[in-house]
Every structure is written in C-alpha cells, then in structure tokens.
Protein backbone atom coordinates (compact mmCIF):
# COMPACT_ATOMS: atom_id res chain seq x y z
CA UNK A 1 25.15 28.03 173.82
CA UNK A 2 24.09 30.35 171.03
CA UNK A 3 22.67 28.68 168.00
CA UNK A 4 24.41 28.91 164.70
CA UNK A 5 22.62 30.97 162.07
CA UNK A 6 20.85 29.00 159.37
CA UNK A 7 18.65 29.74 156.41
CA UNK A 8 15.69 29.04 158.66
CA UNK A 9 16.51 32.11 160.74
CA UNK A 10 16.47 34.41 157.72
CA UNK A 11 13.49 36.29 156.28
CA UNK A 12 13.64 34.33 153.03
CA UNK A 13 10.21 32.93 152.05
CA UNK A 14 9.67 29.20 152.11
CA UNK A 15 7.94 29.01 148.74
CA UNK A 16 9.63 30.42 145.67
CA UNK A 17 6.65 31.91 143.86
CA UNK A 18 8.82 33.21 141.03
CA UNK A 19 9.80 29.75 139.81
CA UNK A 20 8.21 29.04 136.41
CA UNK A 21 6.18 25.93 135.87
CA UNK A 22 8.13 22.73 135.38
CA UNK A 23 6.45 19.36 134.96
CA UNK A 24 7.72 17.57 138.07
CA UNK A 25 6.11 14.19 138.74
CA UNK A 26 4.11 13.78 141.94
CA UNK A 27 2.54 10.59 143.20
CA UNK A 28 -1.26 10.55 143.14
CA UNK A 29 -1.62 9.84 146.83
CA UNK A 30 -4.93 9.44 148.58
CA UNK A 31 -5.87 11.16 151.81
CA UNK A 32 -5.47 9.49 155.18
CA UNK A 33 -8.58 8.03 156.77
CA UNK A 34 -9.71 8.21 160.36
CA UNK A 35 -10.64 10.72 163.01
CA UNK A 36 -8.58 13.67 164.22
CA UNK A 37 -5.35 12.61 165.88
CA UNK A 38 -4.77 9.78 163.40
CA UNK A 39 -1.03 9.34 162.79
CA UNK A 40 0.31 8.00 159.52
CA UNK A 41 3.99 7.22 158.96
CA UNK A 42 5.58 7.01 155.55
CA UNK A 43 7.48 3.79 155.02
CA UNK A 44 8.11 4.21 151.32
CA UNK A 45 5.93 1.28 150.17
CA UNK A 46 4.82 1.33 146.56
CA UNK A 47 1.62 -0.66 146.95
CA UNK A 48 -1.62 0.60 148.49
CA UNK A 49 -2.92 -0.95 151.67
CA UNK A 50 -6.28 -2.73 152.04
CA UNK A 51 -8.11 0.58 152.49
CA UNK A 52 -6.81 1.97 149.20
CA UNK A 53 -4.73 4.62 150.98
CA UNK A 54 -1.29 5.02 149.49
CA UNK A 55 1.41 5.67 152.12
CA UNK A 56 3.42 8.85 152.43
CA UNK A 57 7.07 8.83 151.35
CA UNK A 58 9.57 7.44 153.82
CA UNK A 59 10.66 10.12 156.27
CA UNK A 60 7.25 11.86 156.47
CA UNK A 61 4.84 11.60 159.38
CA UNK A 62 1.30 12.97 159.34
CA UNK A 63 -0.96 13.83 162.27
CA UNK A 64 -4.57 14.50 161.25
CA UNK A 65 -5.83 17.51 163.21
CA UNK A 66 -9.19 17.99 161.49
CA UNK A 67 -11.10 15.89 158.98
CA UNK A 68 -11.96 17.38 155.59
CA UNK A 69 -15.45 17.93 154.27
CA UNK A 70 -17.44 14.69 154.23
CA UNK A 71 -19.19 15.56 150.97
CA UNK A 72 -15.88 16.24 149.21
CA UNK A 73 -14.37 13.11 147.66
CA UNK A 74 -11.98 14.85 145.28
CA UNK A 75 -8.34 15.60 146.05
CA UNK A 76 -5.94 17.93 144.26
CA UNK A 77 -3.64 16.47 141.66
CA UNK A 78 -0.55 17.53 139.78
CA UNK A 79 -1.05 20.79 137.89
CA UNK A 80 -3.92 21.95 140.14
CA UNK A 81 -3.64 25.39 141.73
CA UNK A 82 -4.11 25.04 145.50
CA UNK A 83 -4.92 27.62 148.19
CA UNK A 84 -3.50 26.68 151.58
CA UNK A 85 -2.56 28.04 154.97
CA UNK A 86 0.94 26.89 155.93
CA UNK A 87 2.72 27.21 159.27
CA UNK A 88 6.32 25.98 159.17
CA UNK A 89 8.58 25.25 162.14
CA UNK A 90 12.08 23.85 162.45
CA UNK A 91 12.05 21.17 165.13
CA UNK A 92 14.53 18.69 166.54
CA UNK A 93 14.25 14.98 165.93
CA UNK A 94 14.87 12.76 168.91
CA UNK A 95 17.57 10.22 168.20
CA UNK A 96 18.85 7.25 170.16
CA UNK A 97 22.30 7.86 171.63
CA UNK A 98 23.07 4.18 172.20
CA UNK A 99 21.42 0.96 171.10
CA UNK A 100 21.65 -1.99 173.41
CA UNK A 101 19.76 -4.33 171.11
CA UNK A 102 21.12 -6.26 168.17
CA UNK A 103 18.00 -6.43 166.03
CA UNK A 104 17.97 -4.43 162.81
CA UNK A 105 15.30 -2.30 161.31
CA UNK A 106 12.71 0.00 162.80
CA UNK A 107 10.77 -0.32 165.03
CA UNK A 108 12.84 -2.55 167.30
CA UNK A 109 10.82 -5.60 168.21
CA UNK A 110 12.93 -6.85 171.13
CA UNK A 111 12.24 -3.82 173.33
CA UNK A 112 15.68 -4.03 174.98
CA UNK A 113 16.47 -0.34 174.77
CA UNK A 114 18.23 0.03 178.13
CA UNK A 115 19.52 3.53 177.52
CA UNK A 116 17.32 6.16 175.90
CA UNK A 117 19.73 9.06 175.68
CA UNK A 118 18.36 11.75 173.39
CA UNK A 119 20.32 14.62 171.90
CA UNK A 120 18.71 17.66 170.38
CA UNK A 121 19.63 20.20 167.76
CA UNK A 122 20.64 23.70 168.88
CA UNK A 123 17.10 25.04 168.34
CA UNK A 124 15.31 22.16 170.08
CA UNK A 125 14.13 24.04 173.17
CA UNK A 126 11.83 26.33 171.22
CA UNK A 127 10.77 25.33 167.67
CA UNK A 128 11.81 28.04 165.23
CA UNK A 129 8.78 29.49 163.43
CA UNK A 130 10.06 30.51 160.01
CA UNK A 131 6.82 30.65 158.01
CA UNK A 132 3.19 31.49 158.72
CA UNK A 133 0.50 32.46 156.24
CA UNK A 134 -1.98 33.05 159.08
CA UNK A 135 -0.28 36.20 160.36
CA UNK A 136 0.90 36.99 163.87
CA UNK A 137 -1.69 39.56 164.90
CA UNK A 138 0.18 42.52 163.43
CA UNK A 139 0.01 41.17 159.87
CA UNK A 140 -3.04 40.04 157.96
CA UNK A 141 -3.72 36.43 157.07
CA UNK A 142 -3.02 35.72 153.40
CA UNK A 143 -3.33 32.15 152.05
CA UNK A 144 -0.64 30.83 149.75
CA UNK A 145 -1.49 29.90 146.18
CA UNK A 146 0.70 27.81 143.92
CA UNK A 147 0.51 25.03 141.34
CA UNK A 148 1.30 21.49 142.47
CA UNK A 149 4.30 20.16 140.61
CA UNK A 150 5.50 23.57 139.44
CA UNK A 151 8.61 23.56 141.62
CA UNK A 152 7.28 26.41 143.75
CA UNK A 153 7.23 24.11 146.78
CA UNK A 154 9.35 21.03 147.59
CA UNK A 155 8.06 17.92 145.79
CA UNK A 156 7.52 16.14 149.11
CA UNK A 157 5.25 18.98 150.26
CA UNK A 158 3.34 18.80 146.98
CA UNK A 159 2.87 15.07 147.59
CA UNK A 160 1.59 15.69 151.12
CA UNK A 161 -0.96 18.27 149.95
CA UNK A 162 -2.15 15.90 147.22
CA UNK A 163 -3.30 13.47 149.96
CA UNK A 164 -5.65 16.00 151.60
CA UNK A 165 -9.32 16.81 151.19
CA UNK A 166 -10.89 20.25 151.21
CA UNK A 167 -11.03 21.72 154.72
CA UNK A 168 -8.59 19.17 156.16
CA UNK A 169 -5.85 20.25 158.58
CA UNK A 170 -2.80 18.02 159.00
CA UNK A 171 0.63 18.34 160.58
CA UNK A 172 3.44 16.88 158.48
CA UNK A 173 6.88 16.26 159.95
CA UNK A 174 9.43 15.97 157.13
CA UNK A 175 13.01 14.81 157.63
CA UNK A 176 15.84 17.06 156.47
CA UNK A 177 17.18 14.77 153.69
CA UNK A 178 13.90 15.15 151.78
CA UNK A 179 14.36 18.93 151.69
CA UNK A 180 18.04 19.09 150.67
CA UNK A 181 17.10 19.33 147.00
CA UNK A 182 15.27 22.57 147.75
CA UNK A 183 18.53 24.34 148.73
CA UNK A 184 17.88 24.48 152.46
CA UNK A 185 20.63 24.12 155.06
CA UNK A 186 19.20 22.35 158.11
CA UNK A 187 21.06 21.33 161.27
CA UNK A 188 21.99 17.69 161.62
CA UNK A 189 19.10 15.69 163.05
CA UNK A 190 16.56 18.43 162.45
CA UNK A 191 13.29 18.33 160.58
CA UNK A 192 10.61 20.72 159.38
CA UNK A 193 7.07 20.60 160.70
CA UNK A 194 4.33 21.95 158.43
CA UNK A 195 0.79 22.52 159.66
CA UNK A 196 -1.29 22.73 156.49
CA UNK A 197 -4.94 23.63 155.96
CA UNK A 198 -6.25 22.98 152.45
CA UNK A 199 -8.76 25.75 151.77
CA UNK A 200 -9.58 25.08 148.13
CA UNK A 201 -8.04 24.37 144.76
CA UNK A 202 -8.68 24.98 141.09
CA UNK A 203 -8.63 21.93 138.87
CA UNK A 204 -6.29 22.40 135.91
CA UNK A 205 -5.63 19.92 133.09
CA UNK A 206 -3.10 20.13 130.28
CA UNK A 207 -5.29 18.70 127.53
CA UNK A 208 -2.56 18.05 124.95
CA UNK A 209 0.42 17.71 127.35
CA UNK A 210 2.23 20.58 125.66
CA UNK A 211 0.83 23.62 127.48
CA UNK A 212 -1.13 24.81 124.42
CA UNK A 213 -4.60 24.35 125.99
CA UNK A 214 -5.15 24.37 129.76
CA UNK A 215 -8.54 23.51 131.26
CA UNK A 216 -9.48 25.38 134.45
CA UNK A 217 -12.65 24.33 136.30
CA UNK A 218 -14.90 27.29 137.15
CA UNK A 219 -17.89 25.52 138.70
CA UNK A 220 -18.17 21.85 139.71
CA UNK A 221 -20.97 19.74 138.32
CA UNK A 222 -23.34 17.14 139.75
CA UNK A 223 -22.57 13.49 140.36
CA UNK A 224 -19.64 11.57 138.92
CA UNK A 225 -20.83 10.54 135.48
CA UNK A 226 -18.74 11.86 132.60
CA UNK A 227 -19.64 11.55 128.92
CA UNK A 228 -17.84 9.07 126.69
CA UNK A 229 -16.90 9.20 123.04
CA UNK A 230 -19.93 8.33 120.92
CA UNK A 231 -22.44 9.87 123.34
CA UNK A 232 -24.43 13.01 122.60
CA UNK A 233 -24.27 16.02 124.93
CA UNK A 234 -25.89 19.42 125.19
CA UNK A 235 -23.44 22.25 125.77
CA UNK A 236 -22.95 26.00 125.49
CA UNK A 237 -19.62 27.60 124.64
CA UNK A 238 -18.05 30.84 123.48
CA UNK A 239 -14.55 31.99 122.51
CA UNK A 240 -13.10 35.36 123.55
CA UNK A 241 -9.93 37.03 122.26
CA UNK A 242 -7.37 38.97 124.26
CA UNK A 243 -9.22 42.25 123.67
CA UNK A 244 -12.55 40.71 124.79
CA UNK A 245 -13.61 40.23 121.20
CA UNK A 246 -16.33 37.60 120.85
CA UNK A 247 -15.08 35.12 118.25
CA UNK A 248 -17.94 32.63 118.39
CA UNK A 249 -20.89 31.75 120.65
CA UNK A 250 -23.24 28.77 120.69
CA UNK A 251 -25.94 27.96 123.26
CA UNK A 252 -27.90 24.74 123.87
CA UNK A 253 -25.96 22.93 121.17
CA UNK A 254 -26.24 19.17 120.71
CA UNK A 255 -22.90 17.58 119.90
CA UNK A 256 -21.81 13.96 119.37
CA UNK A 257 -18.47 13.42 121.10
CA UNK A 258 -15.79 12.35 118.66
CA UNK A 259 -17.74 13.37 115.55
CA UNK A 260 -15.58 16.45 114.88
CA UNK A 261 -18.63 18.30 113.59
CA UNK A 262 -17.59 21.61 115.13
CA UNK A 263 -15.54 24.02 113.09
CA UNK A 264 -12.66 24.65 113.17
CA UNK A 265 -11.74 20.99 113.62
CA UNK A 266 -9.08 21.74 116.27
CA UNK A 267 -11.81 23.22 118.50
CA UNK A 268 -13.71 19.91 118.29
CA UNK A 269 -10.60 18.05 119.47
CA UNK A 270 -10.18 20.41 122.44
CA UNK A 271 -13.86 20.18 123.38
CA UNK A 272 -13.81 16.37 123.08
CA UNK A 273 -11.01 16.14 125.63
CA UNK A 274 -12.60 18.76 127.86
CA UNK A 275 -16.11 17.28 127.91
CA UNK A 276 -14.79 13.79 128.73
CA UNK A 277 -13.41 15.30 131.98
CA UNK A 278 -16.59 17.16 132.96
CA UNK A 279 -19.76 16.22 134.82
CA UNK A 280 -23.30 17.45 134.22
CA UNK A 281 -23.66 21.16 135.07
CA UNK A 282 -19.92 21.76 135.22
CA UNK A 283 -18.40 24.92 133.76
CA UNK A 284 -14.77 25.26 132.64
CA UNK A 285 -12.47 27.69 130.86
CA UNK A 286 -9.95 26.65 128.21
CA UNK A 287 -6.89 28.88 128.36
CA UNK A 288 -5.41 28.65 124.86
CA UNK A 289 -1.86 29.84 124.33
CA UNK A 290 -2.77 31.08 120.86
CA UNK A 291 -5.65 30.95 118.45
CA UNK A 292 -3.75 28.48 116.29
CA UNK A 293 -4.08 25.87 119.07
CA UNK A 294 -7.83 25.59 118.45
CA UNK A 295 -7.95 26.37 114.75
CA UNK A 296 -8.17 30.18 114.63
CA UNK A 297 -5.19 30.59 112.32
CA UNK A 298 -5.48 34.38 112.00
CA UNK A 299 -5.29 34.99 115.76
CA UNK A 300 -1.92 34.63 117.44
CA UNK A 301 -2.87 35.96 120.88
CA UNK A 302 -4.32 34.05 123.80
CA UNK A 303 -7.94 32.89 123.57
CA UNK A 304 -10.31 31.83 126.34
CA UNK A 305 -13.07 29.34 125.54
CA UNK A 306 -15.84 29.03 128.16
CA UNK A 307 -17.67 25.69 128.14
CA UNK A 308 -20.71 24.53 130.11
CA UNK A 309 -21.90 20.92 129.97
CA UNK A 310 -25.67 21.07 130.40
CA UNK A 311 -26.78 17.49 129.76
CA UNK A 312 -25.36 14.06 128.98
CA UNK A 313 -27.64 12.10 126.64
CA UNK A 314 -26.63 8.64 127.77
CA UNK A 315 -27.47 5.91 125.24
CA UNK A 316 -28.27 2.56 126.86
CA UNK A 317 -29.37 -0.79 125.48
CA UNK A 318 -32.34 -1.96 127.59
CA UNK A 319 -33.41 -4.94 125.48
CA UNK A 320 -33.59 -8.43 126.99
CA UNK A 321 -30.30 -9.84 125.72
CA UNK A 322 -28.66 -6.51 124.82
CA UNK A 323 -29.35 -7.04 121.15
CA UNK A 324 -29.57 -3.32 120.39
CA UNK A 325 -33.24 -3.53 119.38
CA UNK A 326 -34.43 -1.30 122.24
CA UNK A 327 -32.27 1.78 122.92
CA UNK A 328 -32.94 4.41 125.59
CA UNK A 329 -31.52 7.88 125.02
CA UNK A 330 -31.76 10.16 128.03
CA UNK A 331 -33.17 13.59 127.21
CA UNK A 332 -33.35 15.00 130.75
CA UNK A 333 -31.63 13.77 133.88
CA UNK A 334 -33.80 12.53 136.73
CA UNK A 335 -33.39 12.87 140.48
CA UNK A 336 -32.25 10.53 143.22
CA UNK A 337 -30.50 7.17 142.90
CA UNK A 338 -33.43 4.73 143.00
CA UNK A 339 -35.24 3.11 140.10
CA UNK A 340 -38.57 1.24 139.90
CA UNK A 341 -38.53 -2.52 140.43
CA UNK A 342 -40.72 -5.44 139.47
CA UNK A 343 -43.86 -5.66 141.59
CA UNK A 344 -44.07 -1.91 142.35
CA UNK A 345 -46.32 0.66 140.66
CA UNK A 346 -44.95 3.39 138.40
CA UNK A 347 -46.58 6.37 136.69
CA UNK A 348 -45.35 7.20 133.19
CA UNK A 349 -46.25 9.97 130.74
CA UNK A 350 -45.96 8.99 127.07
CA UNK A 351 -45.59 12.39 125.41
CA UNK A 352 -45.49 11.12 121.85
CA UNK A 353 -45.08 7.95 119.81
CA UNK A 354 -43.74 8.11 116.26
CA UNK A 355 -43.24 5.71 113.39
CA UNK A 356 -39.85 6.05 111.68
CA UNK A 357 -39.90 5.21 107.95
CA UNK A 358 -36.75 3.67 106.45
CA UNK A 359 -33.94 6.03 105.42
CA UNK A 360 -35.64 8.96 107.15
CA UNK A 361 -34.56 10.66 110.38
CA UNK A 362 -36.97 10.67 113.35
CA UNK A 363 -39.53 11.77 114.19
CA UNK A 364 -41.90 10.33 111.62
CA UNK A 365 -45.71 10.17 111.60
CA UNK A 366 -47.25 10.36 115.09
CA UNK A 367 -49.05 7.22 116.22
CA UNK A 368 -50.15 8.15 119.75
CA UNK A 369 -50.57 11.56 121.36
CA UNK A 370 -49.72 12.37 124.99
CA UNK A 371 -51.09 9.83 127.48
CA UNK A 372 -50.41 9.05 131.18
CA UNK A 373 -50.21 5.43 132.26
CA UNK A 374 -49.95 3.92 135.77
CA UNK A 375 -49.01 0.24 135.96
CA UNK A 376 -47.20 -2.37 138.07
CA UNK A 377 -43.75 -3.03 136.68
CA UNK A 378 -43.11 -6.58 135.52
CA UNK A 379 -46.79 -7.63 135.55
CA UNK A 380 -47.27 -7.30 131.79
CA UNK A 381 -49.81 -4.46 132.02
CA UNK A 382 -48.04 -2.54 129.21
CA UNK A 383 -45.94 -3.54 126.22
CA UNK A 384 -42.49 -5.00 126.87
CA UNK A 385 -40.64 -1.96 125.49
CA UNK A 386 -42.28 0.46 127.93
CA UNK A 387 -41.92 -1.94 130.85
CA UNK A 388 -38.20 -2.56 130.27
CA UNK A 389 -37.39 1.13 129.79
CA UNK A 390 -39.24 2.19 132.94
CA UNK A 391 -37.07 -0.10 135.06
CA UNK A 392 -33.96 1.81 133.85
CA UNK A 393 -35.19 5.36 134.58
CA UNK A 394 -35.00 7.73 137.55
CA UNK A 395 -37.84 9.86 138.87
CA UNK A 396 -38.35 12.90 136.64
CA UNK A 397 -36.19 11.50 133.84
CA UNK A 398 -37.28 11.95 130.27
CA UNK A 399 -36.01 9.62 127.59
CA UNK A 400 -36.40 8.67 123.95
CA UNK A 401 -36.92 4.96 123.25
CA UNK A 402 -36.11 3.57 119.83
CA UNK A 403 -37.54 0.10 119.28
CA UNK A 404 -36.68 -1.80 116.10
CA UNK A 405 -38.39 -5.05 117.22
CA UNK A 406 -42.13 -4.54 116.81
CA UNK A 407 -42.86 -7.60 118.96
CA UNK A 408 -41.67 -5.59 121.98
CA UNK A 409 -44.33 -2.95 121.20
CA UNK A 410 -47.25 -5.36 120.82
CA UNK A 411 -49.95 -4.25 123.29
CA UNK A 412 -52.93 -6.25 122.01
CA UNK A 413 -55.27 -7.22 124.86
CA UNK A 414 -53.14 -5.66 127.58
CA UNK A 415 -54.51 -3.74 130.56
CA UNK A 416 -53.14 -0.42 129.26
CA UNK A 417 -53.25 -0.29 125.49
CA UNK A 418 -51.53 2.50 123.59
CA UNK A 419 -53.17 1.08 120.44
CA UNK A 420 -49.77 0.64 118.83
CA UNK A 421 -50.66 -2.69 117.23
CA UNK A 422 -53.99 -1.37 115.90
CA UNK A 423 -52.31 1.68 114.40
CA UNK A 424 -49.63 -0.42 112.75
CA UNK A 425 -52.28 -2.76 111.35
CA UNK A 426 -54.22 0.16 109.89
CA UNK A 427 -51.13 1.32 108.01
CA UNK A 428 -51.14 -1.92 106.09
CA UNK A 429 -47.91 -2.51 104.15
CA UNK A 430 -46.39 0.90 104.96
CA UNK A 431 -42.72 0.19 105.66
CA UNK A 432 -41.21 1.23 108.98
CA UNK A 433 -37.78 0.77 110.52
CA UNK A 434 -38.50 1.65 114.16
CA UNK A 435 -40.97 3.05 116.67
CA UNK A 436 -39.86 5.99 118.82
CA UNK A 437 -41.33 6.72 122.28
CA UNK A 438 -40.98 10.02 124.14
CA UNK A 439 -41.38 8.91 127.77
CA UNK A 440 -41.18 10.62 131.18
CA UNK A 441 -41.19 8.79 134.53
CA UNK A 442 -43.44 10.87 136.78
CA UNK A 443 -43.34 8.84 140.00
CA UNK A 444 -43.08 5.32 141.41
CA UNK A 445 -43.51 3.45 144.67
CA UNK A 446 -40.29 3.22 146.64
CA UNK A 447 -39.14 -0.40 146.36
CA UNK A 448 -38.11 -2.37 149.44
CA UNK A 449 -34.82 -4.24 149.27
CA UNK A 450 -35.00 -8.01 149.69
CA UNK A 451 -32.45 -8.02 152.51
CA UNK A 452 -34.62 -5.66 154.55
CA UNK A 453 -37.77 -7.81 154.18
CA UNK A 454 -38.92 -10.29 156.76
CA UNK A 455 -39.39 -13.93 155.82
CA UNK A 456 -43.14 -13.49 155.38
CA UNK A 457 -42.64 -10.40 153.16
CA UNK A 458 -40.10 -12.19 150.98
CA UNK A 459 -42.46 -15.13 150.57
CA UNK A 460 -45.36 -12.87 149.62
CA UNK A 461 -43.16 -11.05 147.08
CA UNK A 462 -42.03 -14.37 145.57
CA UNK A 463 -45.63 -15.58 145.24
CA UNK A 464 -46.58 -12.37 143.44
CA UNK A 465 -43.67 -12.74 141.00
CA UNK A 466 -44.55 -16.40 140.40
CA UNK A 467 -48.18 -15.56 139.62
CA UNK A 468 -47.11 -12.73 137.28
CA UNK A 469 -44.76 -15.13 135.50
CA UNK A 470 -47.61 -17.61 134.99
CA UNK A 471 -49.82 -14.94 133.38
CA UNK A 472 -46.99 -13.82 131.09
CA UNK A 473 -46.29 -17.41 130.12
CA UNK A 474 -49.94 -17.88 129.04
CA UNK A 475 -49.58 -14.73 126.91
CA UNK A 476 -46.51 -16.32 125.27
CA UNK A 477 -44.31 -13.49 126.50
CA UNK A 478 -41.53 -15.90 127.32
CA UNK A 479 -38.74 -13.52 128.24
CA UNK A 480 -40.91 -11.37 130.51
CA UNK A 481 -42.14 -14.57 132.20
CA UNK A 482 -38.56 -15.73 132.73
CA UNK A 483 -37.74 -12.39 134.38
CA UNK A 484 -40.60 -12.79 136.85
CA UNK A 485 -39.62 -16.36 137.71
CA UNK A 486 -36.03 -15.27 138.32
CA UNK A 487 -37.20 -12.55 140.72
CA UNK A 488 -39.20 -15.15 142.63
CA UNK A 489 -36.14 -17.41 142.88
CA UNK A 490 -34.01 -14.50 144.15
CA UNK A 491 -36.52 -13.82 146.93
CA UNK A 492 -36.48 -17.39 148.28
CA UNK A 493 -33.06 -18.45 147.06
CA UNK A 494 -31.82 -19.02 150.60
CA UNK A 495 -33.78 -20.15 153.64
CA UNK A 496 -32.23 -17.71 156.10
CA UNK A 497 -34.94 -15.61 157.75
CA UNK A 498 -37.77 -18.05 157.13
CA UNK A 499 -39.48 -19.63 160.10
CA UNK A 500 -40.08 -23.37 160.27
CA UNK A 501 -43.72 -22.82 159.29
CA UNK A 502 -42.79 -20.84 156.15
CA UNK A 503 -39.91 -22.98 154.89
CA UNK A 504 -42.04 -25.70 153.22
CA UNK A 505 -44.02 -23.12 151.24
CA UNK A 506 -40.85 -21.19 150.32
CA UNK A 507 -39.21 -24.39 149.04
CA UNK A 508 -42.09 -24.97 146.65
C-alpha cells in the first residue's frame, strides 16, 4: 500500500532558522551518566534521582552512543548558541494490539501479555530520513547552529540537547504528541528519532534580562572559582563602536567588584555582572544593543566591550578564630590543588615586610627586605602569622598578609627570626595599625593523607604533633599548641589499622 504524503516527505527543513528569538523556558537538565549504550527513559518526574541526573520529559527515550569529553563538565543552557550534527528519521512505534492483563500503568508487572500483536505506521518498513546535517556523499557536511530556547527547534529537542556534554552522541526517540506544537503532521503511532552530536556551543547570558547587554564567552578560563562582590580583580577591557572606533581601553586594571568606580557608572554595573560569571583567564564579549545601555549617552549604535579576567584577588581570613586580624589577599594564583600541612617542610620567600601607620594606605616603612625561609609547618619555627598563612597557600602563589594583631608577628627567640619584634621595639612609641607581608610559597613537601598511612606511620605522626604541641605550650603560644594537639588526636582518633602492639601506645 502506498504511503500517504506527509510533511516529513517534503523538502521543508526541520529547524526554522528564520524564527526570531523568543524567551521560551527550558528545563536545566543534566546529562545522562554511563557508558555507550545506556538507555534513559523520560517518565516526567520533577525530582532528580540519587545521581543528580534529572530525567527527560515523558515520551522521550535516549540511547547514549558515545560519551562526551571527560574533562568537560559544562553543559549548554538556555540562550546558548549550540553547534550540532542532527540526523532525523520518522520511525514507527510498536504498540500492543491487545492486552490480556488487567494491571494498569507501564511497564506491566504481571507479565501476562499473551498476545503481542504489533501494528506499524505506513512508513515502518524503512525509516524515512527527512533531515541530515552530515550530508549524503553528494552534499557537504554543515553543522546546524541555533540558540537554545529561541523557538528555532522544538522545545523538547532543546531540552534534550541541554542534557549533553561536548562531543557526546545520543539517539533521542520523541513521541509525536511532543512535536505537535511545532506544526508537524505525523502519522498516528509514529515518532521522530534524532541522532545528535554536540560539537560545541557558545555561552551567552542576558545580563539584565531585557536583551540590552548579551555576554558571549570567547575563551574559557581555568578552574571553577568565580569572583564575588567585594573582592578585587585584575582585568583588561576595551569598548568598540559600530565603525570600529575605540571608545575606551584599560589594561591590567585593579577593580573592586561592586564599588562602581568605573565610569560611566552603567559600565561598572555591566562589568560587575559579567565578572561574577567568569573564571580566571576567561575572555568574553559584551554585545550592547546601544551605547546608552552602558552609559555612552551620545552613541546610539551597537557597542562591543571585550573583557578579560586576569586574576582574582581572593581575600581570606586565616586567623585562628576568624577574627579578621590576619587577612590573606592573593596577588598571584598558584598551581595544583594541594597545600602544605602541619609536620611537613615548606619554603617561603618573604619579599617585603612593611609597617602601616594609622590613616595611611599601605605600604608604609619597610621593616624587612627580601628573605627566604625554610621551616616545618606547625612546629613554631616562624611567627604565627607566617605559619598560618603558609598552610592556606598553593605552590607558586604570592599573597599579601595584613596582620593587625602584633602578637601573631612576635618572632623573639624563634628558629627563623625576621627581626620583626626587634624592629618594632626600636621604633619606640611610633604608632602602627598593621604589619603587611609580601609572601610567596616556593615549594613544600607533598603531605601524606592520614587514611593512606599505616598504623605505625600514623602513630609516628601523632607523636611528632604531640611533641610540637608541648614545645609551643612552653612558649605560651596556646592556640598553636592546641592546633598541634588536635592534629595528634585526629591521627589516633580511631584504633582501626593499629596492631595489638601499637594500640596501647596510641591510646596514650
């Protein structure tokens, strides 16, 4: 029997690329997990499962053909411009002719399906290929590009793509009722099968939710840390008009997020929102509908602002009880993810040490010139301020320490003296509000995790921390001593892994 003509047999394109942007809502789904061949059915649940993977809409089935890039953890979201290969086929859905069971719902738990009579749609023998961006040998392969949520593609297809990672290939089978709203006429019982490969996407953000300023990511950054309001950053930016006229340009500029110190003020607001979405080293373009959107009142044409976030100067309280008396401001990001730990040696370069007089900005008079120090963390070989800050730094990191509690900088009689106390004593009654260190962590011994130590190694570590705590206690450095004792308790806090011969000594 000849099949009846449908819209699927025509040459009409699947995706309407002429449709203007419309803010359709799309669920922020997360990609399916598992190896190739993993099948995921949409049941329409609203809650995520235990793995944090939100299900597909009801009526959608996914077969994972190839995993995405392991190093890529991001997924496209609404308003992002995606580049995909799409192969679309019209297929028949097998349906039960008769049900011999009385149970309701799907799947049927009783298993009493005596008759499995299937009927197919007119085009069931050979799936009708109605779309392919990969070409057929005579035509070249051209990926499709469109904005998620713009109405260019069916919302259910946008939702499916939003669950994928870069490089992933999945086959989605979508039931006809989910595609009716896209003005398609499908045979009864038919479905559409999309094989999609997500090649890449461009991150786009509507900063003010009115289309006036759109952020487009040009180059991804490093890591996941993003600056917060109140933190200082180093950035470079420039603004270009429609005729490539340079309106403004600033390089290596330090800016406090939320301060509004940039002029015009509207540009500060746009950069605040942009920088809070960026990571270190990331570069983005702000596509401004008009100059008025960012404060250039005399320019009514479109303006492009290029922004590069070069450094995030994280401000962290590293004092004992987070009293704010010892603040570490990162000047240069370090490498790796490990930090020094108590009982392991670290090498630190103190580039400068300044005294900050009251009501005056740093730096003030220099107390100590550049000096390299190697010491065991937590043993009290250096002043408390330097010891505490070193434990919060990465290899190669450079930071500025501001200490307003001079007791933390007392290094009298220590193994490595920076002569801070002597210098302060020689100044007599000269007032000072803080001491500022310029410190760089050169290297440190790689610490061993407690869970990877044997019972004998944990006992030896605990004894070392106990002895260090005793020395600090005699020096009346109570808080440093308490830290060492706590480390010793952590090492022998449970008896698992200790032999019968070591347990009595560990219990002591």
